[in-house]
PDB file of N, CA and C in Angstrom:
ATOM      1  N   MET A   1      12.651  -0.741  -0.192  1.00  0.00           N
ATOM      2  CA  MET A   1      11.247  -0.434  -0.079  1.00  0.00           C
ATOM      3  C   MET A   1      10.953  -0.110   1.378  1.00  0.00           C
ATOM      4  N   VAL A   2      10.121   0.916   1.548  1.00  0.00           N
ATOM      5  CA  VAL A   2       9.694   1.351   2.873  1.00  0.00           C
ATOM      6  C   VAL A   2       8.174   1.483   2.833  1.00  0.00           C
ATOM      7  N   TYR A   3       7.512   1.160   3.934  1.00  0.00           N
ATOM      8  CA  TYR A   3       6.064   1.380   3.974  1.00  0.00           C
ATOM      9  C   TYR A   3       5.682   2.001   5.302  1.00  0.00           C
ATOM     10  N   ASN A   4       4.555   2.697   5.310  1.00  0.00           N
ATOM     11  CA  ASN A   4       3.971   3.153   6.568  1.00  0.00           C
ATOM     12  C   ASN A   4       2.460   3.169   6.439  1.00  0.00           C
ATOM     13  N   VAL A   5       1.794   3.130   7.576  1.00  0.00           N
ATOM     14  CA  VAL A   5       0.337   3.162   7.614  1.00  0.00           C
ATOM     15  C   VAL A   5      -0.082   4.631   7.683  1.00  0.00           C
ATOM     16  N   VAL A   6      -0.813   5.082   6.672  1.00  0.00           N
ATOM     17  CA  VAL A   6      -1.258   6.468   6.605  1.00  0.00           C
ATOM     18  C   VAL A   6      -2.495   6.667   7.481  1.00  0.00           C
ATOM     19  N   SER A   7      -3.424   5.714   7.415  1.00  0.00           N
ATOM     20  CA  SER A   7      -4.629   5.758   8.242  1.00  0.00           C
ATOM     21  C   SER A   7      -5.137   4.338   8.438  1.00  0.00           C
ATOM     22  N   ASN A   8      -5.998   4.151   9.437  1.00  0.00           N
ATOM     23  CA  ASN A   8      -6.513   2.803   9.711  1.00  0.00           C
ATOM     24  C   ASN A   8      -7.945   2.874  10.251  1.00  0.00           C
ATOM     25  N   PRO A   9      -8.915   3.243   9.404  1.00  0.00           N
ATOM     26  CA  PRO A   9     -10.305   3.274   9.877  1.00  0.00           C
ATOM     27  C   PRO A   9     -10.822   1.859  10.132  1.00  0.00           C
ATOM     28  N   ARG A  10     -11.654   1.733  11.156  1.00  0.00           N
ATOM     29  CA  ARG A  10     -12.236   0.433  11.510  1.00  0.00           C
ATOM     30  C   ARG A  10     -13.753   0.570  11.612  1.00  0.00           C
ATOM     31  N   GLU A  11     -14.442  -0.514  11.258  1.00  0.00           N
ATOM     32  CA  GLU A  11     -15.896  -0.567  11.384  1.00  0.00           C
ATOM     33  C   GLU A  11     -16.253  -1.823  12.160  1.00  0.00           C
ATOM     34  N   GLN A  12     -17.285  -1.731  12.994  1.00  0.00           N
ATOM     35  CA  GLN A  12     -17.845  -2.898  13.663  1.00  0.00           C
ATOM     36  C   GLN A  12     -19.042  -3.346  12.853  1.00  0.00           C
ATOM     37  N   CYS A  13     -19.014  -4.572  12.367  1.00  0.00           N
ATOM     38  CA  CYS A  13     -20.135  -5.144  11.619  1.00  0.00           C
ATOM     39  C   CYS A  13     -20.812  -6.171  12.513  1.00  0.00           C
ATOM     40  N   PHE A  14     -22.102  -5.995  12.730  1.00  0.00           N
ATOM     41  CA  PHE A  14     -22.840  -6.911  13.590  1.00  0.00           C
ATOM     42  C   PHE A  14     -23.625  -7.886  12.735  1.00  0.00           C
ATOM     43  N   GLY A  15     -23.365  -9.176  12.944  1.00  0.00           N
ATOM     44  CA  GLY A  15     -24.052 -10.217  12.195  1.00  0.00           C
ATOM     45  C   GLY A  15     -25.003 -10.971  13.096  1.00  0.00           C
ATOM     46  N   ALA A  16     -25.494 -12.092  12.591  1.00  0.00           N
ATOM     47  CA  ALA A  16     -26.456 -12.901  13.339  1.00  0.00           C
ATOM     48  C   ALA A  16     -25.839 -13.506  14.587  1.00  0.00           C
ATOM     49  N   SER A  17     -24.558 -13.889  14.530  1.00  0.00           N
ATOM     50  CA  SER A  17     -23.993 -14.601  15.671  1.00  0.00           C
ATOM     51  C   SER A  17     -22.924 -13.812  16.424  1.00  0.00           C
ATOM     52  N   GLN A  18     -22.232 -12.883  15.757  1.00  0.00           N
ATOM     53  CA  GLN A  18     -21.165 -12.164  16.461  1.00  0.00           C
ATOM     54  C   GLN A  18     -20.785 -10.886  15.718  1.00  0.00           C
ATOM     55  N   ALA A  19     -20.119 -10.019  16.429  1.00  0.00           N
ATOM     56  CA  ALA A  19     -19.633  -8.785  15.821  1.00  0.00           C
ATOM     57  C   ALA A  19     -18.257  -9.038  15.211  1.00  0.00           C
ATOM     58  N   VAL A  20     -18.005  -8.425  14.077  1.00  0.00           N
ATOM     59  CA  VAL A  20     -16.720  -8.579  13.401  1.00  0.00           C
ATOM     60  C   VAL A  20     -16.156  -7.188  13.129  1.00  0.00           C
ATOM     61  N   ALA A  21     -14.896  -6.987  13.466  1.00  0.00           N
ATOM     62  CA  ALA A  21     -14.237  -5.725  13.161  1.00  0.00           C
ATOM     63  C   ALA A  21     -13.632  -5.818  11.762  1.00  0.00           C
ATOM     64  N   VAL A  22     -13.870  -4.803  10.961  1.00  0.00           N
ATOM     65  CA  VAL A  22     -13.305  -4.747   9.617  1.00  0.00           C
ATOM     66  C   VAL A  22     -12.377  -3.534   9.549  1.00  0.00           C
ATOM     67  N   SER A  23     -11.117  -3.767   9.235  1.00  0.00           N
ATOM     68  CA  SER A  23     -10.133  -2.695   9.114  1.00  0.00           C
ATOM     69  C   SER A  23      -9.857  -2.422   7.645  1.00  0.00           C
ATOM     70  N   SER A  24      -9.627  -1.162   7.327  1.00  0.00           N
ATOM     71  CA  SER A  24      -9.284  -0.760   5.959  1.00  0.00           C
ATOM     72  C   SER A  24      -8.089   0.189   5.990  1.00  0.00           C
ATOM     73  N   PRO A  25      -6.929  -0.304   6.433  1.00  0.00           N
ATOM     74  CA  PRO A  25      -5.773   0.584   6.525  1.00  0.00           C
ATOM     75  C   PRO A  25      -5.266   1.018   5.155  1.00  0.00           C
ATOM     76  N   ARG A  26      -4.823   2.266   5.091  1.00  0.00           N
ATOM     77  CA  ARG A  26      -4.209   2.795   3.874  1.00  0.00           C
ATOM     78  C   ARG A  26      -2.707   2.822   4.108  1.00  0.00           C
ATOM     79  N   TYR A  27      -1.981   2.142   3.222  1.00  0.00           N
ATOM     80  CA  TYR A  27      -0.525   2.067   3.297  1.00  0.00           C
ATOM     81  C   TYR A  27       0.091   2.923   2.201  1.00  0.00           C
ATOM     82  N   GLN A  28       1.231   3.499   2.503  1.00  0.00           N
ATOM     83  CA  GLN A  28       2.037   4.143   1.472  1.00  0.00           C
ATOM     84  C   GLN A  28       3.338   3.359   1.370  1.00  0.00           C
ATOM     85  N   PHE A  29       3.573   2.784   0.202  1.00  0.00           N
ATOM     86  CA  PHE A  29       4.797   2.043  -0.080  1.00  0.00           C
ATOM     87  C   PHE A  29       5.711   2.948  -0.908  1.00  0.00           C
ATOM     88  N   THR A  30       6.980   3.021  -0.538  1.00  0.00           N
ATOM     89  CA  THR A  30       7.947   3.812  -1.293  1.00  0.00           C
ATOM     90  C   THR A  30       9.045   2.888  -1.793  1.00  0.00           C
ATOM     91  N   CYS A  31       9.213   2.827  -3.098  1.00  0.00           N
ATOM     92  CA  CYS A  31      10.237   1.999  -3.735  1.00  0.00           C
ATOM     93  C   CYS A  31      11.404   2.908  -4.120  1.00  0.00           C
ATOM     94  N   TRP A  32      12.543   2.705  -3.498  1.00  0.00           N
ATOM     95  CA  TRP A  32      13.734   3.520  -3.741  1.00  0.00           C
ATOM     96  C   TRP A  32      14.657   2.819  -4.725  1.00  0.00           C
ATOM     97  N   ALA A  33      15.339   3.605  -5.577  1.00  0.00           N
ATOM     98  CA  ALA A  33      16.304   3.029  -6.515  1.00  0.00           C
ATOM     99  C   ALA A  33      17.291   4.112  -6.955  1.00  0.00           C
ATOM    100  N   GLN A  34      18.370   3.666  -7.564  1.00  0.00           N
ATOM    101  CA  GLN A  34      19.392   4.606  -8.034  1.00  0.00           C
ATOM    102  C   GLN A  34      19.038   5.202  -9.388  1.00  0.00           C
ATOM    103  N   ASN A  35      18.039   4.618 -10.075  1.00  0.00           N
ATOM    104  CA  ASN A  35      17.566   5.209 -11.329  1.00  0.00           C
ATOM    105  C   ASN A  35      16.052   5.020 -11.417  1.00  0.00           C
ATOM    106  N   GLN A  36      15.421   5.814 -12.245  1.00  0.00           N
ATOM    107  CA  GLN A  36      13.968   5.799 -12.326  1.00  0.00           C
ATOM    108  C   GLN A  36      13.431   4.472 -12.845  1.00  0.00           C
ATOM    109  N   ALA A  37      14.117   3.866 -13.792  1.00  0.00           N
ATOM    110  CA  ALA A  37      13.646   2.590 -14.358  1.00  0.00           C
ATOM    111  C   ALA A  37      13.559   1.507 -13.291  1.00  0.00           C
ATOM    112  N   ASP A  38      14.551   1.431 -12.414  1.00  0.00           N
ATOM    113  CA  ASP A  38      14.523   0.419 -11.341  1.00  0.00           C
ATOM    114  C   ASP A  38      13.416   0.706 -10.331  1.00  0.00           C
ATOM    115  N   ALA A  39      13.179   1.987 -10.044  1.00  0.00           N
ATOM    116  CA  ALA A  39      12.088   2.339  -9.129  1.00  0.00           C
ATOM    117  C   ALA A  39      10.744   1.920  -9.722  1.00  0.00           C
ATOM    118  N   VAL A  40      10.554   2.165 -11.018  1.00  0.00           N
ATOM    119  CA  VAL A  40       9.314   1.790 -11.696  1.00  0.00           C
ATOM    120  C   VAL A  40       9.148   0.264 -11.718  1.00  0.00           C
ATOM    121  N   THR A  41      10.226  -0.461 -12.007  1.00  0.00           N
ATOM    122  CA  THR A  41      10.175  -1.929 -12.054  1.00  0.00           C
ATOM    123  C   THR A  41       9.844  -2.516 -10.683  1.00  0.00           C
ATOM    124  N   THR A  42      10.468  -1.988  -9.640  1.00  0.00           N
ATOM    125  CA  THR A  42      10.201  -2.473  -8.285  1.00  0.00           C
ATOM    126  C   THR A  42       8.756  -2.203  -7.892  1.00  0.00           C
ATOM    127  N   CYS A  43       8.261  -1.026  -8.229  1.00  0.00           N
ATOM    128  CA  CYS A  43       6.879  -0.676  -7.905  1.00  0.00           C
ATOM    129  C   CYS A  43       5.896  -1.568  -8.679  1.00  0.00           C
ATOM    130  N   ALA A  44       6.217  -1.895  -9.910  1.00  0.00           N
ATOM    131  CA  ALA A  44       5.362  -2.790 -10.701  1.00  0.00           C
ATOM    132  C   ALA A  44       5.288  -4.176 -10.064  1.00  0.00           C
ATOM    133  N   ALA A  45       6.419  -4.666  -9.550  1.00  0.00           N
ATOM    134  CA  ALA A  45       6.426  -5.965  -8.864  1.00  0.00           C
ATOM    135  C   ALA A  45       5.587  -5.904  -7.587  1.00  0.00           C
ATOM    136  N   LEU A  46       5.690  -4.800  -6.869  1.00  0.00           N
ATOM    137  CA  LEU A  46       4.873  -4.617  -5.664  1.00  0.00           C
ATOM    138  C   LEU A  46       3.394  -4.602  -6.022  1.00  0.00           C
ATOM    139  N   ARG A  47       3.021  -3.857  -7.059  1.00  0.00           N
ATOM    140  CA  ARG A  47       1.627  -3.780  -7.505  1.00  0.00           C
ATOM    141  C   ARG A  47       1.097  -5.175  -7.828  1.00  0.00           C
ATOM    142  N   THR A  48       1.871  -5.967  -8.537  1.00  0.00           N
ATOM    143  CA  THR A  48       1.465  -7.333  -8.889  1.00  0.00           C
ATOM    144  C   THR A  48       1.248  -8.174  -7.636  1.00  0.00           C
ATOM    145  N   ALA A  49       2.160  -8.066  -6.672  1.00  0.00           N
ATOM    146  CA  ALA A  49       2.035  -8.830  -5.423  1.00  0.00           C
ATOM    147  C   ALA A  49       0.800  -8.403  -4.629  1.00  0.00           C
ATOM    148  N   LEU A  50       0.547  -7.103  -4.558  1.00  0.00           N
ATOM    149  CA  LEU A  50      -0.623  -6.618  -3.823  1.00  0.00           C
ATOM    150  C   LEU A  50      -1.913  -7.119  -4.455  1.00  0.00           C
ATOM    151  N   LEU A  51      -2.004  -7.069  -5.773  1.00  0.00           N
ATOM    152  CA  LEU A  51      -3.227  -7.495  -6.450  1.00  0.00           C
ATOM    153  C   LEU A  51      -3.438  -9.006  -6.385  1.00  0.00           C
ATOM    154  N   ALA A  52      -2.396  -9.761  -6.058  1.00  0.00           N
ATOM    155  CA  ALA A  52      -2.516 -11.217  -5.928  1.00  0.00           C
ATOM    156  C   ALA A  52      -2.941 -11.631  -4.517  1.00  0.00           C
ATOM    157  N   MET A  53      -3.086 -10.675  -3.609  1.00  0.00           N
ATOM    158  CA  MET A  53      -3.470 -11.012  -2.234  1.00  0.00           C
ATOM    159  C   MET A  53      -4.886 -11.578  -2.198  1.00  0.00           C
ATOM    160  N   THR A  54      -5.199 -12.323  -1.143  1.00  0.00           N
ATOM    161  CA  THR A  54      -6.514 -12.949  -1.021  1.00  0.00           C
ATOM    162  C   THR A  54      -7.525 -12.050  -0.318  1.00  0.00           C
ATOM    163  N   VAL A  55      -7.121 -10.869   0.118  1.00  0.00           N
ATOM    164  CA  VAL A  55      -8.037  -9.887   0.704  1.00  0.00           C
ATOM    165  C   VAL A  55      -8.226  -8.750  -0.297  1.00  0.00           C
ATOM    166  N   PRO A  56      -9.309  -7.984  -0.171  1.00  0.00           N
ATOM    167  CA  PRO A  56      -9.527  -6.879  -1.114  1.00  0.00           C
ATOM    168  C   PRO A  56      -8.438  -5.811  -1.013  1.00  0.00           C
ATOM    169  N   VAL A  57      -7.894  -5.419  -2.154  1.00  0.00           N
ATOM    170  CA  VAL A  57      -6.865  -4.376  -2.232  1.00  0.00           C
ATOM    171  C   VAL A  57      -7.322  -3.336  -3.247  1.00  0.00           C
ATOM    172  N   SER A  58      -7.275  -2.076  -2.842  1.00  0.00           N
ATOM    173  CA  SER A  58      -7.579  -0.966  -3.752  1.00  0.00           C
ATOM    174  C   SER A  58      -6.326  -0.127  -3.910  1.00  0.00           C
ATOM    175  N   LEU A  59      -5.858   0.008  -5.146  1.00  0.00           N
ATOM    176  CA  LEU A  59      -4.715   0.872  -5.417  1.00  0.00           C
ATOM    177  C   LEU A  59      -5.250   2.293  -5.556  1.00  0.00           C
ATOM    178  N   VAL A  60      -4.796   3.183  -4.682  1.00  0.00           N
ATOM    179  CA  VAL A  60      -5.367   4.517  -4.578  1.00  0.00           C
ATOM    180  C   VAL A  60      -4.596   5.539  -5.398  1.00  0.00           C
ATOM    181  N   ASN A  61      -3.277   5.468  -5.366  1.00  0.00           N
ATOM    182  CA  ASN A  61      -2.466   6.494  -6.008  1.00  0.00           C
ATOM    183  C   ASN A  61      -1.082   5.934  -6.291  1.00  0.00           C
ATOM    184  N   GLU A  62      -0.460   6.429  -7.366  1.00  0.00           N
ATOM    185  CA  GLU A  62       0.917   6.040  -7.687  1.00  0.00           C
ATOM    186  C   GLU A  62       1.605   7.240  -8.335  1.00  0.00           C
ATOM    187  N   TYR A  63       2.771   7.559  -7.860  1.00  0.00           N
ATOM    188  CA  TYR A  63       3.493   8.711  -8.394  1.00  0.00           C
ATOM    189  C   TYR A  63       4.985   8.541  -8.159  1.00  0.00           C
ATOM    190  N   HIS A  64       5.784   9.331  -8.882  1.00  0.00           N
ATOM    191  CA  HIS A  64       7.226   9.229  -8.717  1.00  0.00           C
ATOM    192  C   HIS A  64       7.811  10.587  -8.338  1.00  0.00           C
ATOM    193  N   LEU A  65       8.900  10.515  -7.585  1.00  0.00           N
ATOM    194  CA  LEU A  65       9.619  11.695  -7.127  1.00  0.00           C
ATOM    195  C   LEU A  65      11.110  11.435  -7.241  1.00  0.00           C
ATOM    196  N   ARG A  66      11.864  12.489  -7.183  1.00  0.00           N
ATOM    197  CA  ARG A  66      13.319  12.367  -7.193  1.00  0.00           C
ATOM    198  C   ARG A  66      13.846  13.029  -5.934  1.00  0.00           C
ATOM    199  N   GLU A  67      14.825  12.404  -5.315  1.00  0.00           N
ATOM    200  CA  GLU A  67      15.468  12.960  -4.125  1.00  0.00           C
ATOM    201  C   GLU A  67      16.865  13.400  -4.533  1.00  0.00           C
ATOM    202  N   PRO A  68      17.033  14.660  -4.987  1.00  0.00           N
ATOM    203  CA  PRO A  68      18.319  15.093  -5.536  1.00  0.00           C
ATOM    204  C   PRO A  68      19.477  15.030  -4.539  1.00  0.00           C
ATOM    205  N   GLU A  69      19.225  15.352  -3.286  1.00  0.00           N
ATOM    206  CA  GLU A  69      20.314  15.333  -2.301  1.00  0.00           C
ATOM    207  C   GLU A  69      20.816  13.916  -2.066  1.00  0.00           C
ATOM    208  N   ALA A  70      19.907  12.959  -2.063  1.00  0.00           N
ATOM    209  CA  ALA A  70      20.293  11.563  -1.849  1.00  0.00           C
ATOM    210  C   ALA A  70      20.700  10.878  -3.151  1.00  0.00           C
ATOM    211  N   ARG A  71      20.455  11.544  -4.273  1.00  0.00           N
ATOM    212  CA  ARG A  71      20.734  10.978  -5.606  1.00  0.00           C
ATOM    213  C   ARG A  71      19.979   9.665  -5.826  1.00  0.00           C
ATOM    214  N   LEU A  72      18.715   9.677  -5.395  1.00  0.00           N
ATOM    215  CA  LEU A  72      17.870   8.500  -5.530  1.00  0.00           C
ATOM    216  C   LEU A  72      16.547   8.876  -6.183  1.00  0.00           C
ATOM    217  N   PHE A  73      15.923   7.882  -6.778  1.00  0.00           N
ATOM    218  CA  PHE A  73      14.596   8.018  -7.336  1.00  0.00           C
ATOM    219  C   PHE A  73      13.644   7.214  -6.472  1.00  0.00           C
ATOM    220  N   ARG A  74      12.389   7.639  -6.434  1.00  0.00           N
ATOM    221  CA  ARG A  74      11.398   6.882  -5.669  1.00  0.00           C
ATOM    222  C   ARG A  74      10.091   6.833  -6.429  1.00  0.00           C
ATOM    223  N   ARG A  75       9.394   5.760  -6.221  1.00  0.00           N
ATOM    224  CA  ARG A  75       8.059   5.573  -6.777  1.00  0.00           C
ATOM    225  C   ARG A  75       7.174   5.209  -5.601  1.00  0.00           C
ATOM    226  N   ASP A  76       6.144   6.002  -5.366  1.00  0.00           N
ATOM    227  CA  ASP A  76       5.234   5.762  -4.245  1.00  0.00           C
ATOM    228  C   ASP A  76       3.944   5.128  -4.741  1.00  0.00           C
ATOM    229  N   LEU A  77       3.431   4.202  -3.953  1.00  0.00           N
ATOM    230  CA  LEU A  77       2.179   3.521  -4.257  1.00  0.00           C
ATOM    231  C   LEU A  77       1.344   3.516  -2.987  1.00  0.00           C
ATOM    232  N   ASP A  78       0.139   4.066  -3.057  1.00  0.00           N
ATOM    233  CA  ASP A  78      -0.784   4.046  -1.928  1.00  0.00           C
ATOM    234  C   ASP A  78      -1.832   2.973  -2.182  1.00  0.00           C
ATOM    235  N   ALA A  79      -2.109   2.169  -1.161  1.00  0.00           N
ATOM    236  CA  ALA A  79      -3.076   1.082  -1.309  1.00  0.00           C
ATOM    237  C   ALA A  79      -3.883   0.929  -0.024  1.00  0.00           C
ATOM    238  N   VAL A  80      -5.155   0.584  -0.179  1.00  0.00           N
ATOM    239  CA  VAL A  80      -6.017   0.238   0.950  1.00  0.00           C
ATOM    240  C   VAL A  80      -6.153  -1.278   0.934  1.00  0.00           C
ATOM    241  N   ILE A  81      -5.831  -1.898   2.059  1.00  0.00           N
ATOM    242  CA  ILE A  81      -5.882  -3.361   2.169  1.00  0.00           C
ATOM    243  C   ILE A  81      -6.884  -3.708   3.272  1.00  0.00           C
ATOM    244  N   ALA A  82      -8.093  -4.093   2.862  1.00  0.00           N
ATOM    245  CA  ALA A  82      -9.160  -4.384   3.827  1.00  0.00           C
ATOM    246  C   ALA A  82      -9.010  -5.805   4.378  1.00  0.00           C
ATOM    247  N   HIS A  83      -9.324  -5.962   5.651  1.00  0.00           N
ATOM    248  CA  HIS A  83      -9.273  -7.287   6.256  1.00  0.00           C
ATOM    249  C   HIS A  83     -10.120  -7.292   7.533  1.00  0.00           C
ATOM    250  N   ALA A  84     -10.510  -8.480   7.951  1.00  0.00           N
ATOM    251  CA  ALA A  84     -11.252  -8.622   9.203  1.00  0.00           C
ATOM    252  C   ALA A  84     -10.264  -8.645  10.357  1.00  0.00           C
ATOM    253  N   GLY A  85     -10.652  -8.058  11.451  1.00  0.00           N
ATOM    254  CA  GLY A  85      -9.790  -8.044  12.630  1.00  0.00           C
ATOM    255  C   GLY A  85      -9.143  -6.699  12.836  1.00  0.00           C
ATOM    256  N   GLU A  86      -8.320  -6.645  13.846  1.00  0.00           N
ATOM    257  CA  GLU A  86      -7.666  -5.380  14.214  1.00  0.00           C
ATOM    258  C   GLU A  86      -6.500  -5.140  13.357  1.00  0.00           C
TER     259      GLU A  86
END
């Protein structure tokens, strides 16, 4: 599995006592496998783990690709994981 941050927008929220930064980074997770079934299974486990997080998670996109030269299959999952702080 490989991940990277696609974007990381931030907002400053001003409350009664202090300002709080809220980040909403969008991650792209890529699950690699030697066959499509394993890529799908790995991605399903990732999806379950993301949805069990204690911060808000939005699953944005999920798709599969094949890398013929590498003889590998991949399943990509894009997610926005919001949290307070940088």
